[in-house]
N, C-alpha and C. Protein backbone atom coordinates (compact mmCIF):
# COMPACT_ATOMS: atom_id res chain seq x y z
N MET A 1 44.58 55.85 -193.10
CA MET A 1 44.36 55.33 -194.43
C MET A 1 43.83 53.91 -194.39
N GLY A 2 43.93 53.23 -193.25
CA GLY A 2 43.41 51.89 -193.14
C GLY A 2 44.28 50.92 -193.93
N ASN A 3 43.65 49.79 -194.36
CA ASN A 3 44.38 48.77 -195.09
C ASN A 3 44.41 49.02 -196.58
N SER A 4 43.62 49.94 -197.06
CA SER A 4 43.56 50.24 -198.48
C SER A 4 44.59 51.28 -198.85
N PRO A 5 45.38 51.05 -199.92
CA PRO A 5 46.40 52.03 -200.30
C PRO A 5 45.78 53.32 -200.81
N THR A 6 46.50 54.41 -200.65
CA THR A 6 46.07 55.70 -201.16
C THR A 6 46.32 55.74 -202.67
N ARG A 7 45.25 55.96 -203.43
CA ARG A 7 45.37 55.98 -204.89
C ARG A 7 45.78 57.38 -205.34
N ILE A 8 46.91 57.47 -206.03
CA ILE A 8 47.51 58.75 -206.40
C ILE A 8 47.66 58.85 -207.91
N LEU A 9 47.33 60.01 -208.45
CA LEU A 9 47.67 60.28 -209.84
C LEU A 9 48.54 61.52 -209.89
N ILE A 10 49.40 61.57 -210.89
CA ILE A 10 50.35 62.67 -211.05
C ILE A 10 50.05 63.41 -212.35
N ALA A 11 49.97 64.73 -212.27
CA ALA A 11 49.75 65.56 -213.46
C ALA A 11 50.94 66.49 -213.62
N ASP A 12 51.64 66.35 -214.73
CA ASP A 12 52.82 67.17 -214.99
C ASP A 12 52.93 67.37 -216.49
N ILE A 13 53.93 68.13 -216.88
CA ILE A 13 54.03 68.55 -218.27
C ILE A 13 54.61 67.47 -219.19
N SER A 14 55.30 66.46 -218.63
CA SER A 14 55.93 65.46 -219.46
C SER A 14 55.97 64.10 -218.78
N GLN A 15 56.16 63.06 -219.58
CA GLN A 15 56.30 61.71 -219.07
C GLN A 15 57.51 61.60 -218.15
N THR A 16 58.60 62.26 -218.53
CA THR A 16 59.83 62.20 -217.73
C THR A 16 59.62 62.77 -216.33
N SER A 17 58.95 63.92 -216.25
CA SER A 17 58.69 64.53 -214.94
C SER A 17 57.79 63.64 -214.09
N CYS A 18 56.77 63.08 -214.71
CA CYS A 18 55.86 62.18 -213.98
C CYS A 18 56.60 60.94 -213.48
N ASP A 19 57.47 60.39 -214.33
CA ASP A 19 58.22 59.19 -213.95
C ASP A 19 59.08 59.44 -212.72
N GLY A 20 59.69 60.62 -212.64
CA GLY A 20 60.53 60.94 -211.49
C GLY A 20 59.76 60.90 -210.19
N LEU A 21 58.61 61.55 -210.18
CA LEU A 21 57.77 61.54 -208.98
C LEU A 21 57.20 60.15 -208.72
N GLY A 22 56.82 59.47 -209.80
CA GLY A 22 56.25 58.14 -209.65
C GLY A 22 57.21 57.17 -209.00
N ARG A 23 58.47 57.21 -209.43
CA ARG A 23 59.48 56.31 -208.83
C ARG A 23 59.69 56.63 -207.35
N ALA A 24 59.67 57.91 -207.01
CA ALA A 24 59.86 58.30 -205.61
C ALA A 24 58.71 57.80 -204.74
N LEU A 25 57.49 57.96 -205.24
CA LEU A 25 56.32 57.55 -204.45
C LEU A 25 56.16 56.04 -204.39
N ALA A 26 56.70 55.33 -205.38
CA ALA A 26 56.58 53.87 -205.41
C ALA A 26 57.30 53.22 -204.24
N ARG A 27 58.18 53.96 -203.58
CA ARG A 27 58.92 53.42 -202.44
C ARG A 27 58.04 53.29 -201.20
N PHE A 28 56.86 53.92 -201.23
CA PHE A 28 56.00 53.93 -200.05
C PHE A 28 54.87 52.90 -200.24
N PRO A 29 54.83 51.85 -199.41
CA PRO A 29 53.86 50.76 -199.61
C PRO A 29 52.40 51.18 -199.45
N ASP A 30 52.15 52.30 -198.76
CA ASP A 30 50.77 52.73 -198.56
C ASP A 30 50.21 53.49 -199.77
N PHE A 31 51.03 53.70 -200.79
CA PHE A 31 50.60 54.45 -201.97
C PHE A 31 50.46 53.52 -203.18
N ARG A 32 49.49 53.81 -204.02
CA ARG A 32 49.35 53.11 -205.29
C ARG A 32 49.16 54.13 -206.40
N LEU A 33 50.10 54.19 -207.32
CA LEU A 33 50.04 55.12 -208.44
C LEU A 33 49.04 54.60 -209.47
N VAL A 34 48.06 55.44 -209.84
CA VAL A 34 47.02 54.99 -210.76
C VAL A 34 47.13 55.59 -212.15
N GLY A 35 48.03 56.56 -212.36
CA GLY A 35 48.18 57.09 -213.71
C GLY A 35 48.86 58.44 -213.76
N TYR A 36 49.22 58.83 -214.98
CA TYR A 36 49.81 60.14 -215.27
C TYR A 36 48.87 60.93 -216.16
N ALA A 37 48.79 62.23 -215.92
CA ALA A 37 48.01 63.13 -216.77
C ALA A 37 48.92 64.27 -217.21
N PHE A 38 48.71 64.73 -218.44
CA PHE A 38 49.53 65.82 -218.97
C PHE A 38 48.72 67.06 -219.30
N ASN A 39 47.41 66.97 -219.13
CA ASN A 39 46.54 68.13 -219.34
C ASN A 39 45.30 67.98 -218.48
N CYS A 40 44.47 69.01 -218.49
CA CYS A 40 43.31 69.06 -217.60
C CYS A 40 42.32 67.93 -217.87
N SER A 41 42.00 67.69 -219.14
CA SER A 41 41.00 66.67 -219.47
C SER A 41 41.45 65.28 -219.04
N GLU A 42 42.75 64.99 -219.21
CA GLU A 42 43.27 63.70 -218.77
C GLU A 42 43.20 63.57 -217.26
N LEU A 43 43.44 64.64 -216.54
CA LEU A 43 43.37 64.63 -215.08
C LEU A 43 41.97 64.26 -214.61
N ILE A 44 40.96 64.91 -215.18
CA ILE A 44 39.58 64.63 -214.78
C ILE A 44 39.21 63.18 -215.12
N ARG A 45 39.60 62.74 -216.31
CA ARG A 45 39.26 61.39 -216.75
C ARG A 45 39.90 60.33 -215.84
N LEU A 46 41.18 60.49 -215.54
CA LEU A 46 41.87 59.51 -214.71
C LEU A 46 41.33 59.51 -213.27
N ALA A 47 41.06 60.70 -212.75
CA ALA A 47 40.51 60.78 -211.39
C ALA A 47 39.19 60.05 -211.30
N THR A 48 38.37 60.19 -212.34
CA THR A 48 37.06 59.53 -212.37
C THR A 48 37.19 58.03 -212.59
N ASP A 49 38.02 57.64 -213.56
CA ASP A 49 38.17 56.22 -213.90
C ASP A 49 38.74 55.41 -212.75
N HIS A 50 39.67 56.01 -212.00
CA HIS A 50 40.38 55.26 -210.95
C HIS A 50 39.96 55.66 -209.54
N ASP A 51 39.00 56.59 -209.43
CA ASP A 51 38.54 57.06 -208.12
C ASP A 51 39.74 57.44 -207.25
N ALA A 52 40.60 58.29 -207.81
CA ALA A 52 41.84 58.67 -207.13
C ALA A 52 41.56 59.43 -205.85
N HIS A 53 42.37 59.16 -204.83
CA HIS A 53 42.27 59.91 -203.57
C HIS A 53 43.00 61.25 -203.66
N ILE A 54 44.20 61.23 -204.26
CA ILE A 54 45.06 62.40 -204.30
C ILE A 54 45.56 62.64 -205.73
N ALA A 55 45.52 63.90 -206.14
CA ALA A 55 46.13 64.31 -207.41
C ALA A 55 47.28 65.26 -207.09
N ILE A 56 48.49 64.88 -207.50
CA ILE A 56 49.65 65.75 -207.36
C ILE A 56 49.79 66.49 -208.67
N VAL A 57 49.59 67.81 -208.65
CA VAL A 57 49.45 68.58 -209.88
C VAL A 57 50.53 69.65 -209.97
N ARG A 58 51.29 69.64 -211.06
CA ARG A 58 52.28 70.67 -211.32
C ARG A 58 51.58 71.95 -211.74
N GLU A 59 52.16 73.09 -211.41
CA GLU A 59 51.55 74.38 -211.73
C GLU A 59 51.33 74.56 -213.22
N ALA A 60 52.23 74.04 -214.05
CA ALA A 60 52.09 74.15 -215.50
C ALA A 60 51.89 72.77 -216.11
N LEU A 61 50.82 72.61 -216.88
CA LEU A 61 50.58 71.39 -217.65
C LEU A 61 50.69 71.75 -219.13
N ASN A 62 50.37 70.80 -219.99
CA ASN A 62 50.49 71.06 -221.43
C ASN A 62 49.44 72.04 -221.94
N ASP A 63 48.45 72.35 -221.12
CA ASP A 63 47.43 73.33 -221.52
C ASP A 63 47.94 74.76 -221.43
N GLY A 64 49.04 75.00 -220.71
CA GLY A 64 49.54 76.36 -220.58
C GLY A 64 50.28 76.57 -219.27
N PRO A 65 50.94 77.74 -219.11
CA PRO A 65 51.77 78.01 -217.94
C PRO A 65 51.05 77.91 -216.60
N ARG A 66 49.79 78.33 -216.54
CA ARG A 66 49.06 78.32 -215.27
C ARG A 66 47.93 77.30 -215.27
N SER A 67 48.01 76.35 -216.17
CA SER A 67 46.88 75.44 -216.36
C SER A 67 46.69 74.46 -215.21
N GLY A 68 47.73 74.28 -214.38
CA GLY A 68 47.57 73.40 -213.23
C GLY A 68 46.50 73.90 -212.27
N LEU A 69 46.43 75.21 -212.07
CA LEU A 69 45.41 75.79 -211.20
C LEU A 69 44.02 75.59 -211.78
N THR A 70 43.90 75.77 -213.10
CA THR A 70 42.61 75.53 -213.76
C THR A 70 42.21 74.07 -213.63
N ALA A 71 43.17 73.18 -213.79
CA ALA A 71 42.89 71.75 -213.66
C ALA A 71 42.41 71.40 -212.26
N ILE A 72 43.03 71.99 -211.25
CA ILE A 72 42.62 71.75 -209.87
C ILE A 72 41.20 72.25 -209.63
N GLN A 73 40.89 73.42 -210.18
CA GLN A 73 39.55 73.98 -210.02
C GLN A 73 38.50 73.07 -210.65
N ARG A 74 38.77 72.57 -211.84
CA ARG A 74 37.82 71.69 -212.51
C ARG A 74 37.70 70.35 -211.79
N LEU A 75 38.83 69.88 -211.27
CA LEU A 75 38.81 68.63 -210.53
C LEU A 75 37.94 68.77 -209.28
N ALA A 76 38.07 69.91 -208.58
CA ALA A 76 37.27 70.15 -207.38
C ALA A 76 35.78 70.18 -207.70
N ARG A 77 35.45 70.62 -208.91
CA ARG A 77 34.04 70.72 -209.28
C ARG A 77 33.47 69.39 -209.76
N PHE A 78 34.24 68.69 -210.60
CA PHE A 78 33.71 67.50 -211.25
C PHE A 78 34.07 66.19 -210.56
N HIS A 79 35.11 66.19 -209.75
CA HIS A 79 35.44 64.99 -208.97
C HIS A 79 35.99 65.41 -207.62
N PRO A 80 35.15 65.97 -206.75
CA PRO A 80 35.61 66.57 -205.49
C PRO A 80 36.20 65.59 -204.49
N ASP A 81 35.96 64.30 -204.68
CA ASP A 81 36.55 63.33 -203.74
C ASP A 81 38.06 63.21 -203.92
N THR A 82 38.58 63.66 -205.06
CA THR A 82 40.03 63.66 -205.28
C THR A 82 40.61 64.97 -204.76
N ARG A 83 41.48 64.88 -203.78
CA ARG A 83 42.07 66.07 -203.17
C ARG A 83 43.40 66.39 -203.84
N SER A 84 43.65 67.66 -204.08
CA SER A 84 44.80 68.08 -204.88
C SER A 84 45.93 68.67 -204.06
N LEU A 85 47.16 68.31 -204.45
CA LEU A 85 48.38 68.90 -203.92
C LEU A 85 49.08 69.61 -205.07
N LEU A 86 49.27 70.92 -204.97
CA LEU A 86 49.89 71.70 -206.02
C LEU A 86 51.40 71.76 -205.82
N LEU A 87 52.15 71.47 -206.88
CA LEU A 87 53.60 71.64 -206.88
C LEU A 87 53.95 72.88 -207.69
N ALA A 88 54.66 73.82 -207.11
CA ALA A 88 54.98 75.07 -207.80
C ALA A 88 56.36 75.55 -207.38
N GLU A 89 57.04 76.23 -208.29
CA GLU A 89 58.40 76.71 -208.02
C GLU A 89 58.39 77.99 -207.21
N HIS A 90 57.64 79.00 -207.66
CA HIS A 90 57.60 80.29 -206.97
C HIS A 90 56.15 80.75 -206.88
N LEU A 91 55.68 80.99 -205.67
CA LEU A 91 54.31 81.44 -205.47
C LEU A 91 54.28 82.71 -204.64
N GLU A 92 53.67 83.75 -205.19
CA GLU A 92 53.44 84.97 -204.44
C GLU A 92 52.16 84.82 -203.62
N ARG A 93 51.87 85.82 -202.80
CA ARG A 93 50.69 85.79 -201.95
C ARG A 93 49.42 85.49 -202.76
N GLU A 94 49.25 86.21 -203.88
CA GLU A 94 48.03 86.03 -204.67
C GLU A 94 47.95 84.62 -205.25
N ASP A 95 49.11 84.04 -205.59
CA ASP A 95 49.14 82.69 -206.14
C ASP A 95 48.70 81.67 -205.11
N VAL A 96 49.17 81.85 -203.88
CA VAL A 96 48.82 80.92 -202.81
C VAL A 96 47.32 80.95 -202.55
N VAL A 97 46.77 82.15 -202.42
CA VAL A 97 45.33 82.29 -202.17
C VAL A 97 44.53 81.73 -203.33
N SER A 98 44.97 82.02 -204.56
CA SER A 98 44.29 81.53 -205.75
C SER A 98 44.30 80.01 -205.79
N ALA A 99 45.40 79.40 -205.38
CA ALA A 99 45.50 77.94 -205.40
C ALA A 99 44.48 77.31 -204.46
N PHE A 100 44.37 77.83 -203.25
CA PHE A 100 43.40 77.27 -202.31
C PHE A 100 41.97 77.58 -202.73
N GLN A 101 41.74 78.75 -203.29
CA GLN A 101 40.42 79.08 -203.79
C GLN A 101 40.03 78.18 -204.95
N SER A 102 41.02 77.74 -205.71
CA SER A 102 40.76 76.84 -206.84
C SER A 102 40.40 75.43 -206.37
N GLY A 103 40.73 75.11 -205.12
CA GLY A 103 40.38 73.80 -204.60
C GLY A 103 41.55 72.98 -204.12
N ALA A 104 42.78 73.51 -204.21
CA ALA A 104 43.94 72.78 -203.73
C ALA A 104 43.82 72.57 -202.22
N ARG A 105 44.29 71.42 -201.76
CA ARG A 105 44.30 71.14 -200.32
C ARG A 105 45.70 71.25 -199.75
N GLY A 106 46.69 71.51 -200.61
CA GLY A 106 48.05 71.68 -200.13
C GLY A 106 48.94 72.24 -201.22
N ILE A 107 50.08 72.83 -200.80
CA ILE A 107 51.06 73.41 -201.72
C ILE A 107 52.45 72.98 -201.27
N MET A 108 53.27 72.59 -202.23
CA MET A 108 54.66 72.27 -201.94
C MET A 108 55.56 72.88 -203.01
N ALA A 109 56.80 73.18 -202.63
CA ALA A 109 57.78 73.69 -203.58
C ALA A 109 58.16 72.60 -204.58
N TYR A 110 58.50 73.01 -205.79
CA TYR A 110 58.93 72.08 -206.82
C TYR A 110 60.20 72.60 -207.47
N PRO A 111 61.21 71.78 -207.68
CA PRO A 111 61.20 70.33 -207.46
C PRO A 111 61.26 69.97 -205.98
N ALA A 112 60.59 68.89 -205.64
CA ALA A 112 60.55 68.45 -204.25
C ALA A 112 61.69 67.46 -204.01
N SER A 113 62.76 67.94 -203.41
CA SER A 113 63.92 67.07 -203.16
C SER A 113 63.69 66.17 -201.95
N ASP A 114 62.82 66.58 -201.05
CA ASP A 114 62.53 65.81 -199.85
C ASP A 114 61.28 64.98 -200.09
N PHE A 115 61.45 63.76 -200.58
CA PHE A 115 60.30 62.93 -200.91
C PHE A 115 59.61 62.38 -199.68
N GLU A 116 60.34 62.32 -198.56
CA GLU A 116 59.69 61.93 -197.30
C GLU A 116 58.64 62.98 -196.92
N MET A 117 58.99 64.26 -197.12
CA MET A 117 58.05 65.33 -196.82
C MET A 117 56.87 65.30 -197.80
N LEU A 118 57.14 64.99 -199.06
CA LEU A 118 56.07 64.86 -200.04
C LEU A 118 55.09 63.76 -199.64
N ALA A 119 55.64 62.63 -199.21
CA ALA A 119 54.78 61.53 -198.76
C ALA A 119 53.94 61.94 -197.55
N LYS A 120 54.55 62.67 -196.63
CA LYS A 120 53.82 63.14 -195.45
C LYS A 120 52.69 64.07 -195.86
N ALA A 121 52.95 64.96 -196.83
CA ALA A 121 51.92 65.88 -197.30
C ALA A 121 50.75 65.11 -197.90
N VAL A 122 51.05 64.10 -198.70
CA VAL A 122 50.00 63.28 -199.32
C VAL A 122 49.14 62.62 -198.25
N MET A 123 49.78 62.07 -197.24
CA MET A 123 49.04 61.38 -196.18
C MET A 123 48.16 62.35 -195.39
N GLN A 124 48.70 63.53 -195.08
CA GLN A 124 47.94 64.50 -194.31
C GLN A 124 46.74 65.01 -195.10
N ILE A 125 46.93 65.27 -196.39
CA ILE A 125 45.81 65.73 -197.22
C ILE A 125 44.76 64.64 -197.35
N HIS A 126 45.21 63.40 -197.49
CA HIS A 126 44.27 62.27 -197.56
C HIS A 126 43.45 62.16 -196.28
N ASN A 127 44.04 62.59 -195.17
CA ASN A 127 43.35 62.55 -193.87
C ASN A 127 42.50 63.79 -193.61
N GLY A 128 42.37 64.66 -194.62
CA GLY A 128 41.46 65.79 -194.50
C GLY A 128 42.08 67.09 -194.02
N GLN A 129 43.41 67.14 -193.94
CA GLN A 129 44.06 68.35 -193.47
C GLN A 129 44.59 69.18 -194.64
N ILE A 130 44.89 70.43 -194.36
CA ILE A 130 45.51 71.31 -195.34
C ILE A 130 47.02 71.30 -195.12
N TRP A 131 47.78 71.27 -196.21
CA TRP A 131 49.24 71.27 -196.12
C TRP A 131 49.77 72.59 -196.67
N ALA A 132 50.46 73.34 -195.82
CA ALA A 132 51.04 74.61 -196.23
C ALA A 132 52.17 74.95 -195.28
N ASN A 133 53.15 75.71 -195.77
CA ASN A 133 54.18 76.16 -194.84
C ASN A 133 53.65 77.37 -194.07
N SER A 134 54.40 77.83 -193.09
CA SER A 134 53.89 78.89 -192.21
C SER A 134 53.61 80.18 -192.95
N LEU A 135 54.44 80.52 -193.94
CA LEU A 135 54.23 81.75 -194.70
C LEU A 135 52.98 81.64 -195.57
N GLN A 136 52.80 80.50 -196.24
CA GLN A 136 51.60 80.31 -197.07
C GLN A 136 50.34 80.36 -196.23
N LEU A 137 50.39 79.75 -195.06
CA LEU A 137 49.23 79.78 -194.17
C LEU A 137 48.95 81.21 -193.71
N GLN A 138 50.01 81.98 -193.46
CA GLN A 138 49.84 83.38 -193.06
C GLN A 138 49.15 84.16 -194.18
N TYR A 139 49.56 83.93 -195.44
CA TYR A 139 48.90 84.59 -196.57
C TYR A 139 47.41 84.29 -196.58
N LEU A 140 47.08 83.02 -196.36
CA LEU A 140 45.68 82.60 -196.42
C LEU A 140 44.86 83.22 -195.31
N VAL A 141 45.41 83.17 -194.09
CA VAL A 141 44.68 83.72 -192.95
C VAL A 141 44.51 85.23 -193.08
N GLU A 142 45.56 85.94 -193.52
CA GLU A 142 45.47 87.38 -193.69
C GLU A 142 44.44 87.76 -194.74
N THR A 143 44.39 86.99 -195.81
CA THR A 143 43.42 87.26 -196.87
C THR A 143 42.00 87.03 -196.36
N LEU A 144 41.81 85.95 -195.61
CA LEU A 144 40.49 85.67 -195.06
C LEU A 144 40.04 86.78 -194.11
N SER A 145 40.98 87.31 -193.34
CA SER A 145 40.63 88.35 -192.36
C SER A 145 40.24 89.65 -193.05
N GLN A 146 40.68 89.81 -194.32
CA GLN A 146 40.38 91.04 -195.05
C GLN A 146 39.12 90.95 -195.88
N ILE A 147 38.54 89.75 -195.97
CA ILE A 147 37.34 89.58 -196.78
C ILE A 147 36.19 90.40 -196.19
N LYS A 148 35.58 91.23 -196.99
CA LYS A 148 34.41 91.98 -196.54
C LYS A 148 33.20 91.08 -196.69
N ARG A 149 32.58 90.79 -195.58
CA ARG A 149 31.49 89.82 -195.59
C ARG A 149 30.24 90.39 -196.25
N SER A 150 29.68 89.61 -197.12
CA SER A 150 28.40 89.96 -197.74
C SER A 150 27.28 89.39 -196.88
N PRO A 151 26.27 90.22 -196.50
CA PRO A 151 25.18 89.70 -195.67
C PRO A 151 24.48 88.50 -196.30
N ILE A 152 24.43 88.46 -197.63
CA ILE A 152 23.73 87.36 -198.28
C ILE A 152 24.40 86.03 -198.03
N VAL A 153 25.75 86.00 -198.15
CA VAL A 153 26.44 84.71 -198.06
C VAL A 153 27.00 84.39 -196.68
N THR A 154 26.97 85.31 -195.76
CA THR A 154 27.48 85.00 -194.43
C THR A 154 26.35 84.97 -193.40
N ALA A 155 25.83 86.11 -193.05
CA ALA A 155 24.80 86.16 -192.02
C ALA A 155 23.54 85.40 -192.43
N ASP A 156 23.23 85.38 -193.72
CA ASP A 156 22.01 84.73 -194.17
C ASP A 156 22.24 83.36 -194.78
N ALA A 157 23.45 82.80 -194.63
CA ALA A 157 23.72 81.48 -195.21
C ALA A 157 22.78 80.43 -194.63
N GLU A 158 22.47 80.57 -193.34
CA GLU A 158 21.57 79.61 -192.71
C GLU A 158 20.19 79.64 -193.35
N ALA A 159 19.75 80.84 -193.73
CA ALA A 159 18.45 80.96 -194.36
C ALA A 159 18.46 80.43 -195.79
N LEU A 160 19.60 80.54 -196.45
CA LEU A 160 19.70 80.09 -197.84
C LEU A 160 19.72 78.57 -197.96
N LEU A 161 20.31 77.92 -196.98
CA LEU A 161 20.52 76.48 -197.07
C LEU A 161 19.51 75.72 -196.22
N SER A 162 19.11 74.55 -196.73
CA SER A 162 18.23 73.68 -195.96
C SER A 162 19.01 73.09 -194.78
N LYS A 163 18.29 72.48 -193.85
CA LYS A 163 18.95 71.88 -192.69
C LYS A 163 19.94 70.81 -193.12
N ARG A 164 19.54 69.99 -194.08
CA ARG A 164 20.42 68.93 -194.55
C ARG A 164 21.65 69.52 -195.26
N GLU A 165 21.45 70.58 -196.03
CA GLU A 165 22.58 71.22 -196.70
C GLU A 165 23.55 71.82 -195.69
N GLN A 166 23.02 72.35 -194.59
CA GLN A 166 23.89 72.87 -193.53
C GLN A 166 24.70 71.75 -192.91
N GLU A 167 24.09 70.58 -192.73
CA GLU A 167 24.82 69.43 -192.18
C GLU A 167 25.94 69.00 -193.12
N VAL A 168 25.64 68.99 -194.41
CA VAL A 168 26.65 68.64 -195.41
C VAL A 168 27.79 69.66 -195.37
N LEU A 169 27.42 70.94 -195.25
CA LEU A 169 28.42 72.01 -195.23
C LEU A 169 29.35 71.87 -194.02
N MET A 170 28.81 71.54 -192.86
CA MET A 170 29.63 71.39 -191.67
C MET A 170 30.65 70.26 -191.85
N LEU A 171 30.21 69.15 -192.44
CA LEU A 171 31.13 68.04 -192.69
C LEU A 171 32.15 68.41 -193.75
N LEU A 172 31.71 69.19 -194.72
CA LEU A 172 32.61 69.68 -195.77
C LEU A 172 33.73 70.51 -195.16
N ALA A 173 33.37 71.35 -194.20
CA ALA A 173 34.35 72.21 -193.53
C ALA A 173 35.35 71.40 -192.71
N GLU A 174 34.95 70.19 -192.31
CA GLU A 174 35.86 69.33 -191.56
C GLU A 174 36.77 68.54 -192.49
N GLY A 175 36.59 68.71 -193.81
CA GLY A 175 37.45 68.03 -194.76
C GLY A 175 36.96 66.66 -195.18
N PHE A 176 35.68 66.33 -194.89
CA PHE A 176 35.13 65.03 -195.25
C PHE A 176 35.00 64.90 -196.77
N SER A 177 35.25 63.71 -197.29
CA SER A 177 35.00 63.42 -198.70
C SER A 177 33.51 63.14 -198.89
N ASN A 178 33.07 63.05 -200.15
CA ASN A 178 31.67 62.73 -200.42
C ASN A 178 31.28 61.40 -199.78
N LYS A 179 32.18 60.42 -199.89
CA LYS A 179 31.89 59.10 -199.32
C LYS A 179 31.75 59.18 -197.81
N GLU A 180 32.63 59.95 -197.17
CA GLU A 180 32.57 60.08 -195.71
C GLU A 180 31.33 60.85 -195.27
N ILE A 181 30.94 61.87 -196.05
CA ILE A 181 29.71 62.61 -195.73
C ILE A 181 28.50 61.69 -195.85
N ALA A 182 28.47 60.89 -196.91
CA ALA A 182 27.36 59.96 -197.12
C ALA A 182 27.24 58.97 -195.97
N ALA A 183 28.38 58.44 -195.53
CA ALA A 183 28.36 57.47 -194.43
C ALA A 183 27.89 58.13 -193.13
N SER A 184 28.34 59.36 -192.89
CA SER A 184 27.97 60.06 -191.67
C SER A 184 26.49 60.38 -191.61
N LEU A 185 25.92 60.73 -192.77
CA LEU A 185 24.51 61.12 -192.82
C LEU A 185 23.59 59.98 -193.23
N HIS A 186 24.17 58.82 -193.50
CA HIS A 186 23.40 57.63 -193.88
C HIS A 186 22.58 57.87 -195.15
N VAL A 187 23.24 58.46 -196.14
CA VAL A 187 22.62 58.67 -197.45
C VAL A 187 23.59 58.19 -198.52
N SER A 188 23.18 58.21 -199.77
CA SER A 188 24.04 57.78 -200.86
C SER A 188 24.98 58.91 -201.28
N GLU A 189 26.08 58.54 -201.94
CA GLU A 189 27.00 59.55 -202.47
C GLU A 189 26.31 60.41 -203.52
N HIS A 190 25.40 59.81 -204.28
CA HIS A 190 24.65 60.57 -205.28
C HIS A 190 23.84 61.68 -204.62
N THR A 191 23.23 61.36 -203.48
CA THR A 191 22.46 62.35 -202.75
C THR A 191 23.37 63.48 -202.25
N VAL A 192 24.55 63.12 -201.77
CA VAL A 192 25.51 64.14 -201.31
C VAL A 192 25.89 65.06 -202.45
N LYS A 193 26.15 64.50 -203.63
CA LYS A 193 26.52 65.31 -204.79
C LYS A 193 25.40 66.27 -205.16
N ASN A 194 24.16 65.80 -205.07
CA ASN A 194 23.02 66.67 -205.36
C ASN A 194 22.95 67.83 -204.37
N HIS A 195 23.19 67.53 -203.09
CA HIS A 195 23.21 68.59 -202.08
C HIS A 195 24.31 69.61 -202.39
N LEU A 196 25.48 69.13 -202.79
CA LEU A 196 26.60 70.02 -203.08
C LEU A 196 26.29 70.94 -204.26
N PHE A 197 25.72 70.40 -205.32
CA PHE A 197 25.41 71.22 -206.48
C PHE A 197 24.39 72.30 -206.13
N ARG A 198 23.39 71.94 -205.31
CA ARG A 198 22.40 72.94 -204.89
C ARG A 198 23.03 74.01 -204.00
N MET A 199 23.93 73.59 -203.10
CA MET A 199 24.63 74.54 -202.24
C MET A 199 25.47 75.51 -203.06
N PHE A 200 26.21 74.96 -204.03
CA PHE A 200 27.05 75.81 -204.87
C PHE A 200 26.20 76.87 -205.58
N ASP A 201 25.04 76.44 -206.07
CA ASP A 201 24.16 77.35 -206.79
C ASP A 201 23.63 78.44 -205.86
N LYS A 202 23.21 78.06 -204.67
CA LYS A 202 22.64 79.02 -203.72
C LYS A 202 23.69 80.03 -203.23
N LEU A 203 24.92 79.55 -203.03
CA LEU A 203 25.97 80.41 -202.50
C LEU A 203 26.75 81.13 -203.60
N GLY A 204 26.49 80.76 -204.86
CA GLY A 204 27.17 81.42 -205.97
C GLY A 204 28.64 81.09 -206.04
N VAL A 205 29.01 79.83 -205.76
CA VAL A 205 30.40 79.40 -205.77
C VAL A 205 30.55 78.20 -206.70
N SER A 206 31.82 77.81 -206.90
CA SER A 206 32.06 76.69 -207.83
C SER A 206 32.96 75.61 -207.25
N SER A 207 33.39 75.75 -205.99
CA SER A 207 34.26 74.74 -205.39
C SER A 207 33.88 74.53 -203.93
N ARG A 208 34.37 73.43 -203.37
CA ARG A 208 34.07 73.09 -201.99
C ARG A 208 34.63 74.13 -201.02
N MET A 209 35.89 74.56 -201.24
CA MET A 209 36.49 75.54 -200.35
C MET A 209 35.76 76.88 -200.42
N GLU A 210 35.38 77.29 -201.64
CA GLU A 210 34.64 78.54 -201.79
C GLU A 210 33.31 78.47 -201.04
N ALA A 211 32.68 77.31 -201.04
CA ALA A 211 31.42 77.15 -200.32
C ALA A 211 31.62 77.37 -198.83
N VAL A 212 32.70 76.79 -198.29
CA VAL A 212 32.99 76.95 -196.86
C VAL A 212 33.30 78.40 -196.53
N LEU A 213 34.13 79.04 -197.37
CA LEU A 213 34.49 80.43 -197.12
C LEU A 213 33.28 81.34 -197.23
N ALA A 214 32.41 81.08 -198.21
CA ALA A 214 31.23 81.91 -198.40
C ALA A 214 30.27 81.79 -197.24
N ALA A 215 30.09 80.59 -196.73
CA ALA A 215 29.11 80.37 -195.67
C ALA A 215 29.60 80.81 -194.30
N PHE A 216 30.90 80.60 -194.04
CA PHE A 216 31.42 80.91 -192.71
C PHE A 216 32.20 82.21 -192.67
N GLY A 217 32.90 82.54 -193.75
CA GLY A 217 33.61 83.81 -193.84
C GLY A 217 34.73 83.97 -192.85
N SER A 218 35.33 82.87 -192.40
CA SER A 218 36.44 83.00 -191.45
C SER A 218 37.36 81.81 -191.56
N ALA A 219 38.60 82.01 -191.10
CA ALA A 219 39.59 80.93 -191.16
C ALA A 219 39.23 79.79 -190.22
N SER A 220 38.41 80.05 -189.21
CA SER A 220 38.10 79.02 -188.24
C SER A 220 37.32 77.88 -188.85
N SER A 221 36.72 78.09 -190.01
CA SER A 221 35.92 77.05 -190.64
C SER A 221 36.74 76.11 -191.50
N LEU A 222 38.01 76.42 -191.71
CA LEU A 222 38.83 75.58 -192.56
C LEU A 222 39.26 74.34 -191.83
N PRO A 223 39.55 73.24 -192.59
CA PRO A 223 40.12 72.04 -191.95
C PRO A 223 41.42 72.40 -191.23
N ARG A 224 41.75 71.64 -190.22
CA ARG A 224 42.94 71.92 -189.42
C ARG A 224 44.19 71.81 -190.30
N PRO A 225 45.01 72.88 -190.38
CA PRO A 225 46.18 72.85 -191.25
C PRO A 225 47.35 72.13 -190.61
N THR A 226 48.21 71.59 -191.46
CA THR A 226 49.48 71.03 -191.02
C THR A 226 50.58 71.98 -191.43
N ILE A 227 51.38 72.42 -190.50
CA ILE A 227 52.48 73.35 -190.77
C ILE A 227 53.73 72.56 -191.11
N GLN A 228 54.35 72.87 -192.24
CA GLN A 228 55.57 72.18 -192.64
C GLN A 228 56.74 72.62 -191.75
């Protein structure tokens, strides 16, 4: 994380719930809380206004019971540099896969009584890794292994994408942020965003993770996971 604190925003259903997590995270000097969101639109606005690194998102926001997943999906599309950690009470196999497909970079049980573990998850996600327990990771890998590959989006992905778009995709698969991709390729962040939008259109996807899965079609292309 370097000398700059990790900018975190919390999205939950109430001020009280946000305050609880906020007080716990305030104990860690490497973190800086930048705001609370109670619905999807507030989450996008705060992430953009404060250039948040991490969004900790409850499964249910004020938009509805499953609105946290929708919020994460929109965040991945409109502000992909903010990486999301989903907090959920009970997740079945389909929920876990849906969360990662929506753009989440990690999942933790809620309420999170172990705040040291929560802090570790935030740091690992900020460093480009996926956070999941062994069972959740098994769900994800098993689902990926069952995906029937479409020749258009797997074998012909190289033909669909320009050389520069392929370079962006490879860095995307390593978990690089837009800023990190721009620095690696010596281009502007605006240029990176343009490449991403064109890639999404060509591959018929709407999130960074979906782009990686569509192009590579295997678990080996995912960022290195951290097992809880």
